């Protein structure tokens, strides 16, 4: 009987040694033993470390995405600003060119208007000039008339100087070839001793103002001269 107890005790001791690594449980409270608690804490640590690693990687990816988005938006805004700036510069240059052309056009129009008004005024004064020149051809009968003609001649010279200073020019006519652009033939003669188409007499002087014929010369032209033989 004692042998049986001894053998039972040995067998229990062996089982006890085999089960010594298994977590022990309290008889009533149901709480895990110290070994089980270490395993659970170790599991929590592993999960927390994994979460930290995953959280760090996610935060890094999010920051990278945000940086890429900011760079993209900055590039888009910069391109839009450059295009708008280029458009504004082009519009400003066109406006400046239009304004310069406008100033030139106004100045040209003003000059043309001034020349037209002055030309019309001088044209209206030409009959007075003609009459003064005719008055000088009057034959003087006494000393008083001669003195009057001298004074009239001085007035005529001053008048011509003023008109010529403004741009009036006399058209050469006498003993020149007839030019239909600045001469007007009102009479024709036939003289074989002189050149054909030659102006032999000026009936009324013609004048130019600038490059414009203000009044053509009224002339007498020879036809059928020595050039026609």
C-alpha atoms as a PDB file:
ATOM      1  CA  UNK A   1       0.000   0.000   0.000  1.00  0.00           C
ATOM      2  CA  UNK A   2       2.820   2.335   0.789  1.00  0.00           C
ATOM      3  CA  UNK A   3       4.387   1.458  -2.537  1.00  0.00           C
ATOM      4  CA  UNK A   4       1.168   2.421  -4.289  1.00  0.00           C
ATOM      5  CA  UNK A   5       1.123   5.804  -2.599  1.00  0.00           C
ATOM      6  CA  UNK A   6       4.745   6.368  -3.455  1.00  0.00           C
ATOM      7  CA  UNK A   7       4.210   5.488  -7.061  1.00  0.00           C
ATOM      8  CA  UNK A   8       1.139   7.794  -7.211  1.00  0.00           C
ATOM      9  CA  UNK A   9       3.155  10.557  -5.641  1.00  0.00           C
ATOM     10  CA  UNK A  10       5.894  10.176  -8.172  1.00  0.00           C
ATOM     11  CA  UNK A  11       3.463  10.191 -11.008  1.00  0.00           C
ATOM     12  CA  UNK A  12       1.842  13.355  -9.662  1.00  0.00           C
ATOM     13  CA  UNK A  13       5.248  14.945  -9.329  1.00  0.00           C
ATOM     14  CA  UNK A  14       6.030  14.142 -12.930  1.00  0.00           C
ATOM     15  CA  UNK A  15       2.788  15.641 -14.135  1.00  0.00           C
ATOM     16  CA  UNK A  16       3.409  18.650 -12.012  1.00  0.00           C
ATOM     17  CA  UNK A  17       6.818  19.162 -13.601  1.00  0.00           C
ATOM     18  CA  UNK A  18       5.319  18.742 -17.092  1.00  0.00           C
ATOM     19  CA  UNK A  19       2.668  21.344 -16.383  1.00  0.00           C
ATOM     20  CA  UNK A  20       4.940  23.805 -14.609  1.00  0.00           C
ATOM     21  CA  UNK A  21       5.223  26.027 -17.764  1.00  0.00           C
ATOM     22  CA  UNK A  22       1.438  26.323 -18.192  1.00  0.00           C
ATOM     23  CA  UNK A  23      -0.223  29.396 -16.710  1.00  0.00           C
ATOM     24  CA  UNK A  24      -1.726  28.778 -13.334  1.00  0.00           C
ATOM     25  CA  UNK A  25      -5.164  29.926 -12.461  1.00  0.00           C
ATOM     26  CA  UNK A  26      -6.471  31.012  -9.096  1.00  0.00           C
ATOM     27  CA  UNK A  27      -9.066  28.718  -7.635  1.00  0.00           C
ATOM     28  CA  UNK A  28     -11.879  31.221  -7.254  1.00  0.00           C
ATOM     29  CA  UNK A  29     -11.126  34.662  -8.777  1.00  0.00           C
ATOM     30  CA  UNK A  30     -10.597  33.398 -12.328  1.00  0.00           C
ATOM     31  CA  UNK A  31      -7.674  35.858 -12.825  1.00  0.00           C
ATOM     32  CA  UNK A  32      -4.643  34.856 -14.895  1.00  0.00           C
ATOM     33  CA  UNK A  33      -1.371  34.097 -13.170  1.00  0.00           C
ATOM     34  CA  UNK A  34       1.789  36.181 -13.487  1.00  0.00           C
ATOM     35  CA  UNK A  35       2.996  34.233 -16.540  1.00  0.00           C
ATOM     36  CA  UNK A  36      -0.255  34.783 -18.464  1.00  0.00           C
ATOM     37  CA  UNK A  37      -0.188  38.471 -17.652  1.00  0.00           C
ATOM     38  CA  UNK A  38       3.299  38.807 -19.203  1.00  0.00           C
ATOM     39  CA  UNK A  39       2.092  37.225 -22.439  1.00  0.00           C
ATOM     40  CA  UNK A  40      -0.858  39.652 -22.723  1.00  0.00           C
ATOM     41  CA  UNK A  41       1.315  42.711 -22.003  1.00  0.00           C
ATOM     42  CA  UNK A  42       3.782  41.566 -24.599  1.00  0.00           C
ATOM     43  CA  UNK A  43       0.951  41.286 -27.141  1.00  0.00           C
ATOM     44  CA  UNK A  44      -0.247  44.824 -26.387  1.00  0.00           C
ATOM     45  CA  UNK A  45       3.287  46.149 -26.824  1.00  0.00           C
ATOM     46  CA  UNK A  46       3.580  44.503 -30.207  1.00  0.00           C
ATOM     47  CA  UNK A  47       0.225  45.894 -31.354  1.00  0.00           C
ATOM     48  CA  UNK A  48       1.143  49.393 -30.114  1.00  0.00           C
ATOM     49  CA  UNK A  49       4.499  49.301 -31.903  1.00  0.00           C
ATOM     50  CA  UNK A  50       2.833  48.116 -35.077  1.00  0.00           C
ATOM     51  CA  UNK A  51       0.262  50.937 -34.787  1.00  0.00           C
ATOM     52  CA  UNK A  52       3.014  53.494 -34.251  1.00  0.00           C
ATOM     53  CA  UNK A  53       4.894  52.215 -37.273  1.00  0.00           C
ATOM     54  CA  UNK A  54       1.755  52.217 -39.427  1.00  0.00           C
ATOM     55  CA  UNK A  55       0.761  55.669 -38.139  1.00  0.00           C
ATOM     56  CA  UNK A  56       4.194  57.102 -38.897  1.00  0.00           C
ATOM     57  CA  UNK A  57       4.156  55.731 -42.437  1.00  0.00           C
ATOM     58  CA  UNK A  58       0.636  57.092 -43.018  1.00  0.00           C
ATOM     59  CA  UNK A  59       1.594  60.529 -41.712  1.00  0.00           C
ATOM     60  CA  UNK A  60       4.650  60.603 -43.969  1.00  0.00           C
ATOM     61  CA  UNK A  61       2.576  59.655 -47.010  1.00  0.00           C
ATOM     62  CA  UNK A  62      -0.041  62.293 -46.158  1.00  0.00           C
ATOM     63  CA  UNK A  63       2.631  64.984 -45.798  1.00  0.00           C
ATOM     64  CA  UNK A  64       4.140  63.979 -49.127  1.00  0.00           C
ATOM     65  CA  UNK A  65       0.719  64.136 -50.794  1.00  0.00           C
ATOM     66  CA  UNK A  66       0.080  67.554 -49.274  1.00  0.00           C
ATOM     67  CA  UNK A  67       3.468  68.799 -50.500  1.00  0.00           C
ATOM     68  CA  UNK A  68       2.777  67.525 -54.000  1.00  0.00           C
ATOM     69  CA  UNK A  69      -0.654  69.181 -53.973  1.00  0.00           C
ATOM     70  CA  UNK A  70       0.843  72.481 -52.799  1.00  0.00           C
ATOM     71  CA  UNK A  71       3.547  72.331 -55.469  1.00  0.00           C
ATOM     72  CA  UNK A  72       0.956  71.571 -58.150  1.00  0.00           C
ATOM     73  CA  UNK A  73      -1.320  74.400 -57.038  1.00  0.00           C
ATOM     74  CA  UNK A  74       1.652  76.784 -56.870  1.00  0.00           C
ATOM     75  CA  UNK A  75       2.673  75.842 -60.407  1.00  0.00           C
ATOM     76  CA  UNK A  76      -0.886  76.365 -61.669  1.00  0.00           C
ATOM     77  CA  UNK A  77      -1.165  79.742 -59.952  1.00  0.00           C
ATOM     78  CA  UNK A  78       2.266  80.812 -61.222  1.00  0.00           C
ATOM     79  CA  UNK A  79       1.323  79.854 -64.784  1.00  0.00           C
ATOM     80  CA  UNK A  80      -1.975  81.733 -64.531  1.00  0.00           C
ATOM     81  CA  UNK A  81      -0.213  84.809 -63.151  1.00  0.00           C
ATOM     82  CA  UNK A  82       2.400  84.690 -65.920  1.00  0.00           C
ATOM     83  CA  UNK A  83      -0.279  84.387 -68.605  1.00  0.00           C
ATOM     84  CA  UNK A  84      -2.290  87.248 -67.117  1.00  0.00           C
ATOM     85  CA  UNK A  85       0.850  89.374 -66.821  1.00  0.00           C
ATOM     86  CA  UNK A  86       1.736  88.649 -70.440  1.00  0.00           C
ATOM     87  CA  UNK A  87      -1.798  89.580 -71.534  1.00  0.00           C
ATOM     88  CA  UNK A  88      -1.665  92.817 -69.558  1.00  0.00           C
ATOM     89  CA  UNK A  89       1.744  93.709 -71.003  1.00  0.00           C
ATOM     90  CA  UNK A  90       0.474  93.031 -74.537  1.00  0.00           C
ATOM     91  CA  UNK A  91      -2.623  95.125 -73.943  1.00  0.00           C
ATOM     92  CA  UNK A  92      -0.518  97.931 -72.513  1.00  0.00           C
ATOM     93  CA  UNK A  93       1.838  97.843 -75.493  1.00  0.00           C
ATOM     94  CA  UNK A  94      -1.075  97.885 -77.939  1.00  0.00           C
ATOM     95  CA  UNK A  95      -2.691 100.754 -76.052  1.00  0.00           C
ATOM     96  CA  UNK A  96       0.580 102.669 -76.074  1.00  0.00           C
ATOM     97  CA  UNK A  97       1.045 102.055 -79.813  1.00  0.00           C
ATOM     98  CA  UNK A  98      -2.548 103.132 -80.484  1.00  0.00           C
ATOM     99  CA  UNK A  99      -2.006 106.288 -78.457  1.00  0.00           C
ATOM    100  CA  UNK A 100       1.205 107.112 -80.348  1.00  0.00           C
ATOM    101  CA  UNK A 101      -0.561 106.550 -83.670  1.00  0.00           C
ATOM    102  CA  UNK A 102      -3.444 108.690 -82.452  1.00  0.00           C
ATOM    103  CA  UNK A 103      -1.064 111.538 -81.565  1.00  0.00           C
ATOM    104  CA  UNK A 104       0.630 111.295 -84.960  1.00  0.00           C
ATOM    105  CA  UNK A 105      -2.722 111.256 -86.724  1.00  0.00           C
ATOM    106  CA  UNK A 106      -3.916 114.281 -84.742  1.00  0.00           C
ATOM    107  CA  UNK A 107      -0.705 116.178 -85.474  1.00  0.00           C
ATOM    108  CA  UNK A 108      -0.904 115.289 -89.174  1.00  0.00           C
ATOM    109  CA  UNK A 109      -4.558 116.321 -89.323  1.00  0.00           C
ATOM    110  CA  UNK A 110      -3.794 119.550 -87.496  1.00  0.00           C
ATOM    111  CA  UNK A 111      -0.943 120.346 -89.894  1.00  0.00           C
ATOM    112  CA  UNK A 112      -3.125 119.590 -92.909  1.00  0.00           C
ATOM    113  CA  UNK A 113      -5.953 121.736 -91.547  1.00  0.00           C
ATOM    114  CA  UNK A 114      -3.543 124.580 -90.853  1.00  0.00           C
ATOM    115  CA  UNK A 115      -2.073 124.344 -94.347  1.00  0.00           C
ATOM    116  CA  UNK A 116      -5.538 124.252 -95.886  1.00  0.00           C
ATOM    117  CA  UNK A 117      -6.732 127.299 -93.931  1.00  0.00           C
ATOM    118  CA  UNK A 118      -3.573 129.263 -94.716  1.00  0.00           C
ATOM    119  CA  UNK A 119      -3.774 128.264 -98.373  1.00  0.00           C
ATOM    120  CA  UNK A 120      -7.380 129.382 -98.590  1.00  0.00           C
ATOM    121  CA  UNK A 121      -6.533 132.692 -96.926  1.00  0.00           C
ATOM    122  CA  UNK A 122      -3.633 133.347 -99.312  1.00  0.00           C
ATOM    123  CA  UNK A 123      -5.823 132.372-102.257  1.00  0.00           C
ATOM    124  CA  UNK A 124      -8.312 135.011-101.161  1.00  0.00           C
ATOM    125  CA  UNK A 125      -5.473 137.576-100.986  1.00  0.00           C
ATOM    126  CA  UNK A 126      -4.140 136.881-104.477  1.00  0.00           C
ATOM    127  CA  UNK A 127      -6.624 139.221-106.237  1.00  0.00           C
ATOM    128  CA  UNK A 128      -5.343 142.045-104.027  1.00  0.00           C
ATOM    129  CA  UNK A 129      -1.790 141.141-105.026  1.00  0.00           C
ATOM    130  CA  UNK A 130      -2.797 141.171-108.701  1.00  0.00           C
ATOM    131  CA  UNK A 131      -4.371 144.612-108.396  1.00  0.00           C
ATOM    132  CA  UNK A 132      -1.321 146.054-106.658  1.00  0.00           C
ATOM    133  CA  UNK A 133       0.909 144.761-109.429  1.00  0.00           C
ATOM    134  CA  UNK A 134      -1.410 146.213-112.078  1.00  0.00           C
ATOM    135  CA  UNK A 135      -1.361 149.572-110.309  1.00  0.00           C
ATOM    136  CA  UNK A 136       2.421 149.726-110.685  1.00  0.00           C
ATOM    137  CA  UNK A 137       2.053 149.518-114.470  1.00  0.00           C
ATOM    138  CA  UNK A 138       0.010 152.721-114.621  1.00  0.00           C
ATOM    139  CA  UNK A 139       1.823 155.557-116.388  1.00  0.00           C
ATOM    140  CA  UNK A 140       2.630 158.416-114.062  1.00  0.00           C
ATOM    141  CA  UNK A 141       1.854 161.923-115.282  1.00  0.00           C
ATOM    142  CA  UNK A 142       3.449 164.056-112.586  1.00  0.00           C
ATOM    143  CA  UNK A 143       5.793 163.900-109.620  1.00  0.00           C
ATOM    144  CA  UNK A 144       2.990 163.304-107.124  1.00  0.00           C
ATOM    145  CA  UNK A 145       1.840 160.174-108.951  1.00  0.00           C
ATOM    146  CA  UNK A 146       5.417 158.928-109.093  1.00  0.00           C
ATOM    147  CA  UNK A 147       5.757 159.323-105.328  1.00  0.00           C
ATOM    148  CA  UNK A 148       2.465 157.513-104.861  1.00  0.00           C
ATOM    149  CA  UNK A 149       3.630 154.628-107.044  1.00  0.00           C
ATOM    150  CA  UNK A 150       6.879 154.418-105.077  1.00  0.00           C
ATOM    151  CA  UNK A 151       4.964 154.106-101.824  1.00  0.00           C
ATOM    152  CA  UNK A 152       2.662 151.531-103.404  1.00  0.00           C
ATOM    153  CA  UNK A 153       5.690 149.556-104.590  1.00  0.00           C
ATOM    154  CA  UNK A 154       7.060 149.432-101.043  1.00  0.00           C
ATOM    155  CA  UNK A 155       3.720 148.142 -99.773  1.00  0.00           C
ATOM    156  CA  UNK A 156       3.641 145.508-102.512  1.00  0.00           C
ATOM    157  CA  UNK A 157       7.143 144.290-101.614  1.00  0.00           C
ATOM    158  CA  UNK A 158       6.233 143.968 -97.954  1.00  0.00           C
ATOM    159  CA  UNK A 159       3.046 142.146 -98.889  1.00  0.00           C
ATOM    160  CA  UNK A 160       4.925 139.689-101.109  1.00  0.00           C
ATOM    161  CA  UNK A 161       7.569 139.086 -98.446  1.00  0.00           C
ATOM    162  CA  UNK A 162       4.863 138.178 -95.981  1.00  0.00           C
ATOM    163  CA  UNK A 163       3.125 135.801 -98.402  1.00  0.00           C
ATOM    164  CA  UNK A 164       6.350 134.191 -99.567  1.00  0.00           C
ATOM    165  CA  UNK A 165       7.411 133.740 -95.945  1.00  0.00           C
ATOM    166  CA  UNK A 166       4.203 131.760 -95.374  1.00  0.00           C
ATOM    167  CA  UNK A 167       5.089 129.397 -98.221  1.00  0.00           C
ATOM    168  CA  UNK A 168       3.739 131.072-101.352  1.00  0.00           C
ATOM    169  CA  UNK A 169       5.814 130.556-104.514  1.00  0.00           C
ATOM    170  CA  UNK A 170       5.378 132.020-107.966  1.00  0.00           C
ATOM    171  CA  UNK A 171       5.128 129.470-110.794  1.00  0.00           C
ATOM    172  CA  UNK A 172       7.761 130.090-113.507  1.00  0.00           C
ATOM    173  CA  UNK A 173       5.885 130.598-116.757  1.00  0.00           C
ATOM    174  CA  UNK A 174       7.297 133.029-119.281  1.00  0.00           C
ATOM    175  CA  UNK A 175       9.632 131.439-121.886  1.00  0.00           C
ATOM    176  CA  UNK A 176       9.127 127.963-120.379  1.00  0.00           C
ATOM    177  CA  UNK A 177       7.491 124.865-121.818  1.00  0.00           C
ATOM    178  CA  UNK A 178       3.801 124.558-121.211  1.00  0.00           C
ATOM    179  CA  UNK A 179       2.971 122.254-118.297  1.00  0.00           C
ATOM    180  CA  UNK A 180      -0.701 121.330-117.971  1.00  0.00           C
ATOM    181  CA  UNK A 181      -0.237 120.648-114.249  1.00  0.00           C
ATOM    182  CA  UNK A 182       0.551 124.269-113.424  1.00  0.00           C
ATOM    183  CA  UNK A 183      -0.345 126.238-116.568  1.00  0.00           C
ATOM    184  CA  UNK A 184      -3.663 126.970-118.151  1.00  0.00           C
ATOM    185  CA  UNK A 185      -3.609 127.975-121.828  1.00  0.00           C
ATOM    186  CA  UNK A 186      -6.200 130.615-122.575  1.00  0.00           C
ATOM    187  CA  UNK A 187      -4.776 131.695-125.921  1.00  0.00           C
ATOM    188  CA  UNK A 188      -2.632 130.176-128.683  1.00  0.00           C
ATOM    189  CA  UNK A 189      -0.339 131.762-131.290  1.00  0.00           C
ATOM    190  CA  UNK A 190       1.554 130.424-134.291  1.00  0.00           C
ATOM    191  CA  UNK A 191       5.127 131.654-134.633  1.00  0.00           C
ATOM    192  CA  UNK A 192       7.574 129.534-136.608  1.00  0.00           C
ATOM    193  CA  UNK A 193      10.528 131.533-135.298  1.00  0.00           C
ATOM    194  CA  UNK A 194      10.211 130.194-131.730  1.00  0.00           C
ATOM    195  CA  UNK A 195       9.867 126.748-130.216  1.00  0.00           C
ATOM    196  CA  UNK A 196       6.552 125.008-130.240  1.00  0.00           C
ATOM    197  CA  UNK A 197       4.616 124.688-127.001  1.00  0.00           C
ATOM    198  CA  UNK A 198       6.506 127.637-125.539  1.00  0.00           C
ATOM    199  CA  UNK A 199       4.763 130.155-123.287  1.00  0.00           C
ATOM    200  CA  UNK A 200       5.081 133.559-124.896  1.00  0.00           C
ATOM    201  CA  UNK A 201       2.995 135.640-122.520  1.00  0.00           C
ATOM    202  CA  UNK A 202       1.644 135.418-118.965  1.00  0.00           C
ATOM    203  CA  UNK A 203      -1.826 136.837-118.576  1.00  0.00           C
ATOM    204  CA  UNK A 204      -2.122 136.054-114.879  1.00  0.00           C
ATOM    205  CA  UNK A 205       0.571 134.790-112.557  1.00  0.00           C
ATOM    206  CA  UNK A 206       0.190 131.404-110.991  1.00  0.00           C
ATOM    207  CA  UNK A 207       1.254 130.412-107.481  1.00  0.00           C
ATOM    208  CA  UNK A 208       2.043 127.312-105.480  1.00  0.00           C
ATOM    209  CA  UNK A 209       1.597 126.861-101.767  1.00  0.00           C
ATOM    210  CA  UNK A 210       3.887 124.154-100.498  1.00  0.00           C
ATOM    211  CA  UNK A 211       3.590 121.280-102.980  1.00  0.00           C
ATOM    212  CA  UNK A 212       0.087 122.234-104.059  1.00  0.00           C
ATOM    213  CA  UNK A 213      -0.811 124.389-107.040  1.00  0.00           C
ATOM    214  CA  UNK A 214      -2.804 127.157-105.431  1.00  0.00           C
ATOM    215  CA  UNK A 215      -3.652 128.852-108.713  1.00  0.00           C
ATOM    216  CA  UNK A 216      -2.423 127.912-112.226  1.00  0.00           C
ATOM    217  CA  UNK A 217      -0.860 130.504-114.486  1.00  0.00           C
ATOM    218  CA  UNK A 218      -3.018 131.823-117.299  1.00  0.00           C
ATOM    219  CA  UNK A 219      -0.745 131.855-120.318  1.00  0.00           C
ATOM    220  CA  UNK A 220      -0.489 132.309-124.080  1.00  0.00           C
ATOM    221  CA  UNK A 221       1.171 129.353-125.830  1.00  0.00           C
ATOM    222  CA  UNK A 222       2.876 129.089-129.192  1.00  0.00           C
ATOM    223  CA  UNK A 223       1.832 126.195-131.440  1.00  0.00           C
ATOM    224  CA  UNK A 224       3.107 125.162-134.862  1.00  0.00           C
ATOM    225  CA  UNK A 225       6.621 126.457-134.200  1.00  0.00           C
ATOM    226  CA  UNK A 226       9.959 125.418-135.647  1.00  0.00           C
ATOM    227  CA  UNK A 227       9.809 122.033-133.899  1.00  0.00           C
ATOM    228  CA  UNK A 228       6.821 121.015-136.039  1.00  0.00           C
ATOM    229  CA  UNK A 229       8.593 121.421-139.377  1.00  0.00           C
END
